[in-house]
Amino acid sequence: YILSHPNQCDSMYLLPMGHPSGRHSGDACNYHPDCKDSANSVDYSKPNLEKFPKFAKLQANEVVLTAGDFLYLPTHWFHFIISLGLNYQCNTRSGRSNEYTKDVKKCGFK
């Protein structure tokens, strides 16, 4: 997993809230002013920092899980999943928190 605090969203080239995949990275350059002429998305494994210069400033944590491990993600934290092999995962929501609401709103999300 690559995990980022909600205050990092400006460096992540996220799709806007109105998009069907809002709050996810993806074909973000169609919507982000820094790279609006490109249809490419940020490849977290090999980011093109010329096309996505703010991505170089992204602060993130890398977590590698092994069999039997679990990971708690706070509400609104961004996560990118990389599978290193065959795996299974299950998730559930355990409540809501307003702790990061200010950070999320700064990036245009509710």
PDB file of N, CA and C in Angstrom:
ATOM      1  N   TYR A   1       0.844  -1.178   0.000  1.00  0.00           N
ATOM      2  CA  TYR A   1       0.000   0.000   0.000  1.00  0.00           C
ATOM      3  C   TYR A   1       0.884   1.235   0.000  1.00  0.00           C
ATOM      4  N   ILE A   2       0.417   2.266  -0.681  1.00  0.00           N
ATOM      5  CA  ILE A   2       1.004   3.590  -0.553  1.00  0.00           C
ATOM      6  C   ILE A   2      -0.097   4.453   0.040  1.00  0.00           C
ATOM      7  N   LEU A   3       0.175   5.049   1.194  1.00  0.00           N
ATOM      8  CA  LEU A   3      -0.824   5.803   1.933  1.00  0.00           C
ATOM      9  C   LEU A   3      -0.439   7.269   2.003  1.00  0.00           C
ATOM     10  N   SER A   4      -1.421   8.137   1.802  1.00  0.00           N
ATOM     11  CA  SER A   4      -1.164   9.569   1.881  1.00  0.00           C
ATOM     12  C   SER A   4      -2.217  10.258   2.730  1.00  0.00           C
ATOM     13  N   HIS A   5      -1.762  11.155   3.558  1.00  0.00           N
ATOM     14  CA  HIS A   5      -2.621  11.985   4.391  1.00  0.00           C
ATOM     15  C   HIS A   5      -3.500  12.846   3.477  1.00  0.00           C
ATOM     16  N   PRO A   6      -4.707  13.161   3.886  1.00  0.00           N
ATOM     17  CA  PRO A   6      -5.578  13.999   3.055  1.00  0.00           C
ATOM     18  C   PRO A   6      -4.998  15.366   2.702  1.00  0.00           C
ATOM     19  N   ASN A   7      -4.045  15.871   3.470  1.00  0.00           N
ATOM     20  CA  ASN A   7      -3.463  17.176   3.125  1.00  0.00           C
ATOM     21  C   ASN A   7      -2.508  17.095   1.935  1.00  0.00           C
ATOM     22  N   GLN A   8      -2.310  15.913   1.383  1.00  0.00           N
ATOM     23  CA  GLN A   8      -1.431  15.720   0.229  1.00  0.00           C
ATOM     24  C   GLN A   8      -2.171  15.720  -1.107  1.00  0.00           C
ATOM     25  N   CYS A   9      -3.472  15.913  -1.092  1.00  0.00           N
ATOM     26  CA  CYS A   9      -4.262  15.737  -2.312  1.00  0.00           C
ATOM     27  C   CYS A   9      -3.854  16.670  -3.446  1.00  0.00           C
ATOM     28  N   ASP A  10      -3.316  17.841  -3.142  1.00  0.00           N
ATOM     29  CA  ASP A  10      -2.924  18.755  -4.216  1.00  0.00           C
ATOM     30  C   ASP A  10      -1.783  18.199  -5.067  1.00  0.00           C
ATOM     31  N   SER A  11      -1.015  17.287  -4.518  1.00  0.00           N
ATOM     32  CA  SER A  11       0.112  16.701  -5.255  1.00  0.00           C
ATOM     33  C   SER A  11      -0.237  15.399  -5.960  1.00  0.00           C
ATOM     34  N   MET A  12      -1.507  14.965  -5.854  1.00  0.00           N
ATOM     35  CA  MET A  12      -1.871  13.635  -6.329  1.00  0.00           C
ATOM     36  C   MET A  12      -2.586  13.593  -7.673  1.00  0.00           C
ATOM     37  N   TYR A  13      -2.952  14.736  -8.234  1.00  0.00           N
ATOM     38  CA  TYR A  13      -3.659  14.781  -9.516  1.00  0.00           C
ATOM     39  C   TYR A  13      -4.906  13.900  -9.487  1.00  0.00           C
ATOM     40  N   LEU A  14      -5.798  14.220  -8.574  1.00  0.00           N
ATOM     41  CA  LEU A  14      -7.028  13.443  -8.394  1.00  0.00           C
ATOM     42  C   LEU A  14      -8.115  13.912  -9.343  1.00  0.00           C
ATOM     43  N   LEU A  15      -8.999  12.995  -9.669  1.00  0.00           N
ATOM     44  CA  LEU A  15     -10.162  13.354 -10.468  1.00  0.00           C
ATOM     45  C   LEU A  15     -11.125  14.154  -9.594  1.00  0.00           C
ATOM     46  N   PRO A  16     -11.853  15.107 -10.181  1.00  0.00           N
ATOM     47  CA  PRO A  16     -12.737  15.967  -9.394  1.00  0.00           C
ATOM     48  C   PRO A  16     -13.954  15.212  -8.869  1.00  0.00           C
ATOM     49  N   MET A  17     -14.594  15.768  -7.859  1.00  0.00           N
ATOM     50  CA  MET A  17     -15.715  15.118  -7.202  1.00  0.00           C
ATOM     51  C   MET A  17     -16.847  14.775  -8.166  1.00  0.00           C
ATOM     52  N   GLY A  18     -17.121  15.596  -9.157  1.00  0.00           N
ATOM     53  CA  GLY A  18     -18.200  15.336 -10.098  1.00  0.00           C
ATOM     54  C   GLY A  18     -17.939  14.181 -11.049  1.00  0.00           C
ATOM     55  N   HIS A  19     -16.716  13.744 -11.146  1.00  0.00           N
ATOM     56  CA  HIS A  19     -16.343  12.639 -12.027  1.00  0.00           C
ATOM     57  C   HIS A  19     -16.787  11.322 -11.386  1.00  0.00           C
ATOM     58  N   PRO A  20     -17.185  10.322 -12.196  1.00  0.00           N
ATOM     59  CA  PRO A  20     -17.588   9.025 -11.624  1.00  0.00           C
ATOM     60  C   PRO A  20     -16.521   8.385 -10.728  1.00  0.00           C
ATOM     61  N   SER A  21     -15.264   8.698 -10.967  1.00  0.00           N
ATOM     62  CA  SER A  21     -14.183   8.178 -10.125  1.00  0.00           C
ATOM     63  C   SER A  21     -13.582   9.276  -9.256  1.00  0.00           C
ATOM     64  N   GLY A  22     -14.399  10.266  -8.891  1.00  0.00           N
ATOM     65  CA  GLY A  22     -13.923  11.385  -8.092  1.00  0.00           C
ATOM     66  C   GLY A  22     -13.169  10.940  -6.857  1.00  0.00           C
ATOM     67  N   ARG A  23     -12.128  11.679  -6.515  1.00  0.00           N
ATOM     68  CA  ARG A  23     -11.218  11.409  -5.403  1.00  0.00           C
ATOM     69  C   ARG A  23     -10.223  10.300  -5.721  1.00  0.00           C
ATOM     70  N   HIS A  24     -10.205   9.795  -6.938  1.00  0.00           N
ATOM     71  CA  HIS A  24      -9.233   8.785  -7.327  1.00  0.00           C
ATOM     72  C   HIS A  24      -8.268   9.404  -8.333  1.00  0.00           C
ATOM     73  N   SER A  25      -7.035   8.918  -8.349  1.00  0.00           N
ATOM     74  CA  SER A  25      -6.144   9.332  -9.416  1.00  0.00           C
ATOM     75  C   SER A  25      -6.536   8.526 -10.643  1.00  0.00           C
ATOM     76  N   GLY A  26      -6.210   8.997 -11.768  1.00  0.00           N
ATOM     77  CA  GLY A  26      -6.598   8.309 -12.989  1.00  0.00           C
ATOM     78  C   GLY A  26      -6.291   9.186 -14.168  1.00  0.00           C
ATOM     79  N   ASP A  27      -7.250   9.375 -14.991  1.00  0.00           N
ATOM     80  CA  ASP A  27      -7.073  10.214 -16.167  1.00  0.00           C
ATOM     81  C   ASP A  27      -7.162  11.676 -15.737  1.00  0.00           C
ATOM     82  N   ALA A  28      -6.422  11.974 -14.693  1.00  0.00           N
ATOM     83  CA  ALA A  28      -6.556  13.258 -14.010  1.00  0.00           C
ATOM     84  C   ALA A  28      -6.150  14.456 -14.844  1.00  0.00           C
ATOM     85  N   CYS A  29      -5.314  14.267 -15.811  1.00  0.00           N
ATOM     86  CA  CYS A  29      -4.841  15.410 -16.579  1.00  0.00           C
ATOM     87  C   CYS A  29      -5.939  16.067 -17.408  1.00  0.00           C
ATOM     88  N   ASN A  30      -7.015  15.391 -17.637  1.00  0.00           N
ATOM     89  CA  ASN A  30      -8.123  16.036 -18.336  1.00  0.00           C
ATOM     90  C   ASN A  30      -8.799  17.074 -17.458  1.00  0.00           C
ATOM     91  N   TYR A  31      -8.501  17.062 -16.162  1.00  0.00           N
ATOM     92  CA  TYR A  31      -9.188  17.937 -15.220  1.00  0.00           C
ATOM     93  C   TYR A  31      -8.255  18.824 -14.409  1.00  0.00           C
ATOM     94  N   HIS A  32      -6.977  18.532 -14.403  1.00  0.00           N
ATOM     95  CA  HIS A  32      -6.033  19.281 -13.574  1.00  0.00           C
ATOM     96  C   HIS A  32      -5.325  20.339 -14.411  1.00  0.00           C
ATOM     97  N   PRO A  33      -5.336  21.597 -13.996  1.00  0.00           N
ATOM     98  CA  PRO A  33      -4.763  22.673 -14.810  1.00  0.00           C
ATOM     99  C   PRO A  33      -3.271  22.525 -15.102  1.00  0.00           C
ATOM    100  N   ASP A  34      -2.521  21.822 -14.256  1.00  0.00           N
ATOM    101  CA  ASP A  34      -1.082  21.688 -14.497  1.00  0.00           C
ATOM    102  C   ASP A  34      -0.746  20.796 -15.686  1.00  0.00           C
ATOM    103  N   CYS A  35      -1.675  19.972 -16.125  1.00  0.00           N
ATOM    104  CA  CYS A  35      -1.360  19.063 -17.235  1.00  0.00           C
ATOM    105  C   CYS A  35      -2.600  18.785 -18.073  1.00  0.00           C
ATOM    106  N   LYS A  36      -3.425  19.790 -18.294  1.00  0.00           N
ATOM    107  CA  LYS A  36      -4.711  19.599 -18.955  1.00  0.00           C
ATOM    108  C   LYS A  36      -4.607  19.108 -20.394  1.00  0.00           C
ATOM    109  N   ASP A  37      -3.449  19.231 -21.037  1.00  0.00           N
ATOM    110  CA  ASP A  37      -3.320  18.811 -22.425  1.00  0.00           C
ATOM    111  C   ASP A  37      -2.874  17.368 -22.576  1.00  0.00           C
ATOM    112  N   SER A  38      -2.687  16.664 -21.479  1.00  0.00           N
ATOM    113  CA  SER A  38      -2.258  15.277 -21.524  1.00  0.00           C
ATOM    114  C   SER A  38      -3.381  14.358 -21.072  1.00  0.00           C
ATOM    115  N   ALA A  39      -3.491  13.204 -21.689  1.00  0.00           N
ATOM    116  CA  ALA A  39      -4.516  12.234 -21.289  1.00  0.00           C
ATOM    117  C   ALA A  39      -3.928  11.125 -20.424  1.00  0.00           C
ATOM    118  N   ASN A  40      -2.671  11.271 -20.015  1.00  0.00           N
ATOM    119  CA  ASN A  40      -2.023  10.229 -19.212  1.00  0.00           C
ATOM    120  C   ASN A  40      -2.294  10.428 -17.735  1.00  0.00           C
ATOM    121  N   SER A  41      -2.282   9.348 -17.002  1.00  0.00           N
ATOM    122  CA  SER A  41      -2.446   9.434 -15.560  1.00  0.00           C
ATOM    123  C   SER A  41      -1.111   9.178 -14.876  1.00  0.00           C
ATOM    124  N   VAL A  42      -1.036   9.537 -13.608  1.00  0.00           N
ATOM    125  CA  VAL A  42       0.187   9.315 -12.846  1.00  0.00           C
ATOM    126  C   VAL A  42       0.379   7.819 -12.618  1.00  0.00           C
ATOM    127  N   ASP A  43       1.517   7.321 -12.988  1.00  0.00           N
ATOM    128  CA  ASP A  43       1.886   5.935 -12.704  1.00  0.00           C
ATOM    129  C   ASP A  43       2.671   5.960 -11.396  1.00  0.00           C
ATOM    130  N   TYR A  44       2.065   5.492 -10.311  1.00  0.00           N
ATOM    131  CA  TYR A  44       2.717   5.564  -9.006  1.00  0.00           C
ATOM    132  C   TYR A  44       4.020   4.782  -8.962  1.00  0.00           C
ATOM    133  N   SER A  45       4.185   3.805  -9.830  1.00  0.00           N
ATOM    134  CA  SER A  45       5.416   3.022  -9.861  1.00  0.00           C
ATOM    135  C   SER A  45       6.543   3.755 -10.579  1.00  0.00           C
ATOM    136  N   LYS A  46       6.191   4.531 -11.597  1.00  0.00           N
ATOM    137  CA  LYS A  46       7.168   5.301 -12.381  1.00  0.00           C
ATOM    138  C   LYS A  46       6.549   6.632 -12.776  1.00  0.00           C
ATOM    139  N   PRO A  47       6.360   7.560 -11.852  1.00  0.00           N
ATOM    140  CA  PRO A  47       5.692   8.818 -12.207  1.00  0.00           C
ATOM    141  C   PRO A  47       6.527   9.655 -13.166  1.00  0.00           C
ATOM    142  N   ASN A  48       5.856  10.226 -14.139  1.00  0.00           N
ATOM    143  CA  ASN A  48       6.501  11.143 -15.076  1.00  0.00           C
ATOM    144  C   ASN A  48       6.460  12.526 -14.432  1.00  0.00           C
ATOM    145  N   LEU A  49       7.567  12.929 -13.835  1.00  0.00           N
ATOM    146  CA  LEU A  49       7.600  14.173 -13.074  1.00  0.00           C
ATOM    147  C   LEU A  49       7.627  15.412 -13.956  1.00  0.00           C
ATOM    148  N   GLU A  50       7.899  15.241 -15.237  1.00  0.00           N
ATOM    149  CA  GLU A  50       7.776  16.389 -16.142  1.00  0.00           C
ATOM    150  C   GLU A  50       6.313  16.713 -16.379  1.00  0.00           C
ATOM    151  N   LYS A  51       5.486  15.693 -16.536  1.00  0.00           N
ATOM    152  CA  LYS A  51       4.053  15.897 -16.739  1.00  0.00           C
ATOM    153  C   LYS A  51       3.319  16.161 -15.432  1.00  0.00           C
ATOM    154  N   PHE A  52       3.829  15.612 -14.340  1.00  0.00           N
ATOM    155  CA  PHE A  52       3.175  15.700 -13.041  1.00  0.00           C
ATOM    156  C   PHE A  52       4.149  16.248 -12.000  1.00  0.00           C
ATOM    157  N   PRO A  53       4.573  17.496 -12.120  1.00  0.00           N
ATOM    158  CA  PRO A  53       5.625  18.024 -11.242  1.00  0.00           C
ATOM    159  C   PRO A  53       5.259  18.050  -9.764  1.00  0.00           C
ATOM    160  N   LYS A  54       4.007  18.260  -9.427  1.00  0.00           N
ATOM    161  CA  LYS A  54       3.628  18.299  -8.007  1.00  0.00           C
ATOM    162  C   LYS A  54       3.739  16.929  -7.347  1.00  0.00           C
ATOM    163  N   PHE A  55       3.703  15.875  -8.151  1.00  0.00           N
ATOM    164  CA  PHE A  55       3.790  14.522  -7.596  1.00  0.00           C
ATOM    165  C   PHE A  55       5.123  14.302  -6.879  1.00  0.00           C
ATOM    166  N   ALA A  56       6.156  15.015  -7.305  1.00  0.00           N
ATOM    167  CA  ALA A  56       7.469  14.880  -6.665  1.00  0.00           C
ATOM    168  C   ALA A  56       7.439  15.329  -5.203  1.00  0.00           C
ATOM    169  N   LYS A  57       6.477  16.179  -4.854  1.00  0.00           N
ATOM    170  CA  LYS A  57       6.374  16.686  -3.481  1.00  0.00           C
ATOM    171  C   LYS A  57       5.463  15.830  -2.602  1.00  0.00           C
ATOM    172  N   LEU A  58       4.841  14.815  -3.182  1.00  0.00           N
ATOM    173  CA  LEU A  58       3.910  13.973  -2.438  1.00  0.00           C
ATOM    174  C   LEU A  58       4.606  13.276  -1.271  1.00  0.00           C
ATOM    175  N   GLN A  59       4.044  13.411  -0.098  1.00  0.00           N
ATOM    176  CA  GLN A  59       4.536  12.689   1.073  1.00  0.00           C
ATOM    177  C   GLN A  59       3.633  11.484   1.277  1.00  0.00           C
ATOM    178  N   ALA A  60       4.233  10.316   1.352  1.00  0.00           N
ATOM    179  CA  ALA A  60       3.452   9.088   1.461  1.00  0.00           C
ATOM    180  C   ALA A  60       4.191   8.076   2.326  1.00  0.00           C
ATOM    181  N   ASN A  61       3.449   7.092   2.769  1.00  0.00           N
ATOM    182  CA  ASN A  61       4.004   5.975   3.531  1.00  0.00           C
ATOM    183  C   ASN A  61       3.820   4.706   2.713  1.00  0.00           C
ATOM    184  N   GLU A  62       4.826   3.875   2.688  1.00  0.00           N
ATOM    185  CA  GLU A  62       4.732   2.588   2.009  1.00  0.00           C
ATOM    186  C   GLU A  62       4.588   1.507   3.078  1.00  0.00           C
ATOM    187  N   VAL A  63       3.597   0.656   2.905  1.00  0.00           N
ATOM    188  CA  VAL A  63       3.338  -0.417   3.861  1.00  0.00           C
ATOM    189  C   VAL A  63       3.274  -1.736   3.094  1.00  0.00           C
ATOM    190  N   VAL A  64       4.043  -2.720   3.529  1.00  0.00           N
ATOM    191  CA  VAL A  64       4.003  -4.051   2.925  1.00  0.00           C
ATOM    192  C   VAL A  64       3.360  -4.992   3.948  1.00  0.00           C
ATOM    193  N   LEU A  65       2.275  -5.615   3.535  1.00  0.00           N
ATOM    194  CA  LEU A  65       1.564  -6.548   4.413  1.00  0.00           C
ATOM    195  C   LEU A  65       1.916  -7.982   4.035  1.00  0.00           C
ATOM    196  N   THR A  66       1.955  -8.852   5.022  1.00  0.00           N
ATOM    197  CA  THR A  66       2.159 -10.271   4.776  1.00  0.00           C
ATOM    198  C   THR A  66       0.949 -11.035   5.313  1.00  0.00           C
ATOM    199  N   ALA A  67       0.896 -12.314   5.061  1.00  0.00           N
ATOM    200  CA  ALA A  67      -0.244 -13.143   5.460  1.00  0.00           C
ATOM    201  C   ALA A  67      -0.595 -12.908   6.925  1.00  0.00           C
ATOM    202  N   GLY A  68      -1.868 -12.626   7.171  1.00  0.00           N
ATOM    203  CA  GLY A  68      -2.350 -12.419   8.522  1.00  0.00           C
ATOM    204  C   GLY A  68      -2.298 -10.985   9.008  1.00  0.00           C
ATOM    205  N   ASP A  69      -1.632 -10.112   8.282  1.00  0.00           N
ATOM    206  CA  ASP A  69      -1.562  -8.704   8.675  1.00  0.00           C
ATOM    207  C   ASP A  69      -2.876  -7.999   8.360  1.00  0.00           C
ATOM    208  N   PHE A  70      -3.107  -6.914   9.071  1.00  0.00           N
ATOM    209  CA  PHE A  70      -4.226  -6.054   8.726  1.00  0.00           C
ATOM    210  C   PHE A  70      -3.764  -4.609   8.818  1.00  0.00           C
ATOM    211  N   LEU A  71      -4.503  -3.742   8.169  1.00  0.00           N
ATOM    212  CA  LEU A  71      -4.140  -2.329   8.106  1.00  0.00           C
ATOM    213  C   LEU A  71      -5.369  -1.489   8.366  1.00  0.00           C
ATOM    214  N   TYR A  72      -5.260  -0.552   9.268  1.00  0.00           N
ATOM    215  CA  TYR A  72      -6.343   0.391   9.535  1.00  0.00           C
ATOM    216  C   TYR A  72      -6.058   1.664   8.758  1.00  0.00           C
ATOM    217  N   LEU A  73      -7.014   2.104   7.964  1.00  0.00           N
ATOM    218  CA  LEU A  73      -6.895   3.367   7.229  1.00  0.00           C
ATOM    219  C   LEU A  73      -7.876   4.361   7.827  1.00  0.00           C
ATOM    220  N   PRO A  74      -7.403   5.490   8.316  1.00  0.00           N
ATOM    221  CA  PRO A  74      -8.331   6.491   8.813  1.00  0.00           C
ATOM    222  C   PRO A  74      -9.222   7.026   7.685  1.00  0.00           C
ATOM    223  N   THR A  75     -10.380   7.515   8.061  1.00  0.00           N
ATOM    224  CA  THR A  75     -11.310   8.103   7.096  1.00  0.00           C
ATOM    225  C   THR A  75     -10.593   9.172   6.269  1.00  0.00           C
ATOM    226  N   HIS A  76     -10.834   9.159   4.981  1.00  0.00           N
ATOM    227  CA  HIS A  76     -10.329  10.140   4.009  1.00  0.00           C
ATOM    228  C   HIS A  76      -8.860   9.970   3.614  1.00  0.00           C
ATOM    229  N   TRP A  77      -8.130   9.030   4.191  1.00  0.00           N
ATOM    230  CA  TRP A  77      -6.750   8.832   3.762  1.00  0.00           C
ATOM    231  C   TRP A  77      -6.760   8.192   2.379  1.00  0.00           C
ATOM    232  N   PHE A  78      -5.831   8.620   1.541  1.00  0.00           N
ATOM    233  CA  PHE A  78      -5.724   8.080   0.192  1.00  0.00           C
ATOM    234  C   PHE A  78      -4.843   6.843   0.223  1.00  0.00           C
ATOM    235  N   HIS A  79      -5.190   5.870  -0.610  1.00  0.00           N
ATOM    236  CA  HIS A  79      -4.393   4.648  -0.659  1.00  0.00           C
ATOM    237  C   HIS A  79      -4.319   4.138  -2.094  1.00  0.00           C
ATOM    238  N   PHE A  80      -3.167   3.635  -2.410  1.00  0.00           N
ATOM    239  CA  PHE A  80      -2.887   3.031  -3.710  1.00  0.00           C
ATOM    240  C   PHE A  80      -2.386   1.625  -3.406  1.00  0.00           C
ATOM    241  N   ILE A  81      -3.025   0.637  -4.008  1.00  0.00           N
ATOM    242  CA  ILE A  81      -2.710  -0.754  -3.681  1.00  0.00           C
ATOM    243  C   ILE A  81      -1.855  -1.373  -4.780  1.00  0.00           C
ATOM    244  N   ILE A  82      -0.775  -1.992  -4.383  1.00  0.00           N
ATOM    245  CA  ILE A  82       0.099  -2.730  -5.297  1.00  0.00           C
ATOM    246  C   ILE A  82       0.154  -4.169  -4.794  1.00  0.00           C
ATOM    247  N   SER A  83      -0.209  -5.098  -5.632  1.00  0.00           N
ATOM    248  CA  SER A  83      -0.149  -6.514  -5.240  1.00  0.00           C
ATOM    249  C   SER A  83       1.193  -7.092  -5.657  1.00  0.00           C
ATOM    250  N   LEU A  84       1.892  -7.667  -4.713  1.00  0.00           N
ATOM    251  CA  LEU A  84       3.198  -8.279  -4.991  1.00  0.00           C
ATOM    252  C   LEU A  84       3.068  -9.745  -5.370  1.00  0.00           C
ATOM    253  N   GLY A  85       1.880 -10.273  -5.264  1.00  0.00           N
ATOM    254  CA  GLY A  85       1.613 -11.669  -5.588  1.00  0.00           C
ATOM    255  C   GLY A  85       0.134 -11.928  -5.403  1.00  0.00           C
ATOM    256  N   LEU A  86      -0.240 -13.193  -5.414  1.00  0.00           N
ATOM    257  CA  LEU A  86      -1.633 -13.566  -5.192  1.00  0.00           C
ATOM    258  C   LEU A  86      -2.035 -13.171  -3.773  1.00  0.00           C
ATOM    259  N   ASN A  87      -3.145 -12.487  -3.648  1.00  0.00           N
ATOM    260  CA  ASN A  87      -3.605 -12.090  -2.324  1.00  0.00           C
ATOM    261  C   ASN A  87      -5.106 -11.918  -2.323  1.00  0.00           C
ATOM    262  N   TYR A  88      -5.639 -11.852  -1.147  1.00  0.00           N
ATOM    263  CA  TYR A  88      -7.062 -11.594  -0.941  1.00  0.00           C
ATOM    264  C   TYR A  88      -7.169 -10.467   0.060  1.00  0.00           C
ATOM    265  N   GLN A  89      -8.160  -9.640  -0.152  1.00  0.00           N
ATOM    266  CA  GLN A  89      -8.358  -8.572   0.816  1.00  0.00           C
ATOM    267  C   GLN A  89      -9.839  -8.371   1.061  1.00  0.00           C
ATOM    268  N   CYS A  90     -10.127  -7.862   2.201  1.00  0.00           N
ATOM    269  CA  CYS A  90     -11.500  -7.581   2.603  1.00  0.00           C
ATOM    270  C   CYS A  90     -11.466  -6.243   3.324  1.00  0.00           C
ATOM    271  N   ASN A  91     -12.445  -5.410   3.094  1.00  0.00           N
ATOM    272  CA  ASN A  91     -12.468  -4.157   3.839  1.00  0.00           C
ATOM    273  C   ASN A  91     -13.859  -3.895   4.379  1.00  0.00           C
ATOM    274  N   THR A  92     -13.896  -3.059   5.357  1.00  0.00           N
ATOM    275  CA  THR A  92     -15.154  -2.653   5.962  1.00  0.00           C
ATOM    276  C   THR A  92     -14.993  -1.235   6.474  1.00  0.00           C
ATOM    277  N   ARG A  93     -16.073  -0.549   6.569  1.00  0.00           N
ATOM    278  CA  ARG A  93     -16.051   0.802   7.126  1.00  0.00           C
ATOM    279  C   ARG A  93     -16.472   0.701   8.595  1.00  0.00           C
ATOM    280  N   SER A  94     -15.697   1.327   9.458  1.00  0.00           N
ATOM    281  CA  SER A  94     -15.977   1.190  10.883  1.00  0.00           C
ATOM    282  C   SER A  94     -16.423   2.501  11.514  1.00  0.00           C
ATOM    283  N   GLY A  95     -16.983   3.369  10.728  1.00  0.00           N
ATOM    284  CA  GLY A  95     -17.438   4.644  11.271  1.00  0.00           C
ATOM    285  C   GLY A  95     -16.907   5.804  10.471  1.00  0.00           C
ATOM    286  N   ARG A  96     -17.289   6.965  10.876  1.00  0.00           N
ATOM    287  CA  ARG A  96     -16.862   8.177  10.186  1.00  0.00           C
ATOM    288  C   ARG A  96     -16.176   9.097  11.173  1.00  0.00           C
ATOM    289  N   SER A  97     -15.312   9.908  10.626  1.00  0.00           N
ATOM    290  CA  SER A  97     -14.603  10.885  11.448  1.00  0.00           C
ATOM    291  C   SER A  97     -14.553  12.198  10.686  1.00  0.00           C
ATOM    292  N   ASN A  98     -14.617  13.283  11.405  1.00  0.00           N
ATOM    293  CA  ASN A  98     -14.489  14.608  10.783  1.00  0.00           C
ATOM    294  C   ASN A  98     -13.082  15.166  10.945  1.00  0.00           C
ATOM    295  N   GLU A  99     -12.178  14.334  11.408  1.00  0.00           N
ATOM    296  CA  GLU A  99     -10.825  14.793  11.719  1.00  0.00           C
ATOM    297  C   GLU A  99     -10.111  15.437  10.523  1.00  0.00           C
ATOM    298  N   TYR A 100     -10.348  14.930   9.320  1.00  0.00           N
ATOM    299  CA  TYR A 100      -9.627  15.438   8.149  1.00  0.00           C
ATOM    300  C   TYR A 100     -10.536  16.226   7.197  1.00  0.00           C
ATOM    301  N   THR A 101     -11.698  16.635   7.668  1.00  0.00           N
ATOM    302  CA  THR A 101     -12.663  17.328   6.820  1.00  0.00           C
ATOM    303  C   THR A 101     -12.079  18.594   6.206  1.00  0.00           C
ATOM    304  N   LYS A 102     -11.329  19.381   6.981  1.00  0.00           N
ATOM    305  CA  LYS A 102     -10.743  20.617   6.440  1.00  0.00           C
ATOM    306  C   LYS A 102      -9.809  20.320   5.275  1.00  0.00           C
ATOM    307  N   ASP A 103      -8.978  19.299   5.423  1.00  0.00           N
ATOM    308  CA  ASP A 103      -8.036  18.952   4.358  1.00  0.00           C
ATOM    309  C   ASP A 103      -8.763  18.524   3.098  1.00  0.00           C
ATOM    310  N   VAL A 104      -9.797  17.730   3.243  1.00  0.00           N
ATOM    311  CA  VAL A 104     -10.547  17.229   2.097  1.00  0.00           C
ATOM    312  C   VAL A 104     -11.285  18.374   1.389  1.00  0.00           C
ATOM    313  N   LYS A 105     -11.841  19.291   2.153  1.00  0.00           N
ATOM    314  CA  LYS A 105     -12.559  20.422   1.561  1.00  0.00           C
ATOM    315  C   LYS A 105     -11.617  21.341   0.785  1.00  0.00           C
ATOM    316  N   LYS A 106     -10.376  21.504   1.253  1.00  0.00           N
ATOM    317  CA  LYS A 106      -9.402  22.345   0.541  1.00  0.00           C
ATOM    318  C   LYS A 106      -9.156  21.818  -0.871  1.00  0.00           C
ATOM    319  N   CYS A 107      -9.322  20.530  -1.054  1.00  0.00           N
ATOM    320  CA  CYS A 107      -9.087  19.932  -2.366  1.00  0.00           C
ATOM    321  C   CYS A 107     -10.380  19.793  -3.179  1.00  0.00           C
ATOM    322  N   GLY A 108     -11.454  20.392  -2.706  1.00  0.00           N
ATOM    323  CA  GLY A 108     -12.684  20.413  -3.474  1.00  0.00           C
ATOM    324  C   GLY A 108     -13.620  19.238  -3.255  1.00  0.00           C
ATOM    325  N   PHE A 109     -13.396  18.476  -2.191  1.00  0.00           N
ATOM    326  CA  PHE A 109     -14.240  17.327  -1.898  1.00  0.00           C
ATOM    327  C   PHE A 109     -15.089  17.612  -0.670  1.00  0.00           C
ATOM    328  N   LYS A 110     -16.197  16.909  -0.580  1.00  0.00           N
ATOM    329  CA  LYS A 110     -17.119  17.106   0.547  1.00  0.00           C
ATOM    330  C   LYS A 110     -16.776  16.223   1.710  1.00  0.00           C
TER     331      LYS A 110
END
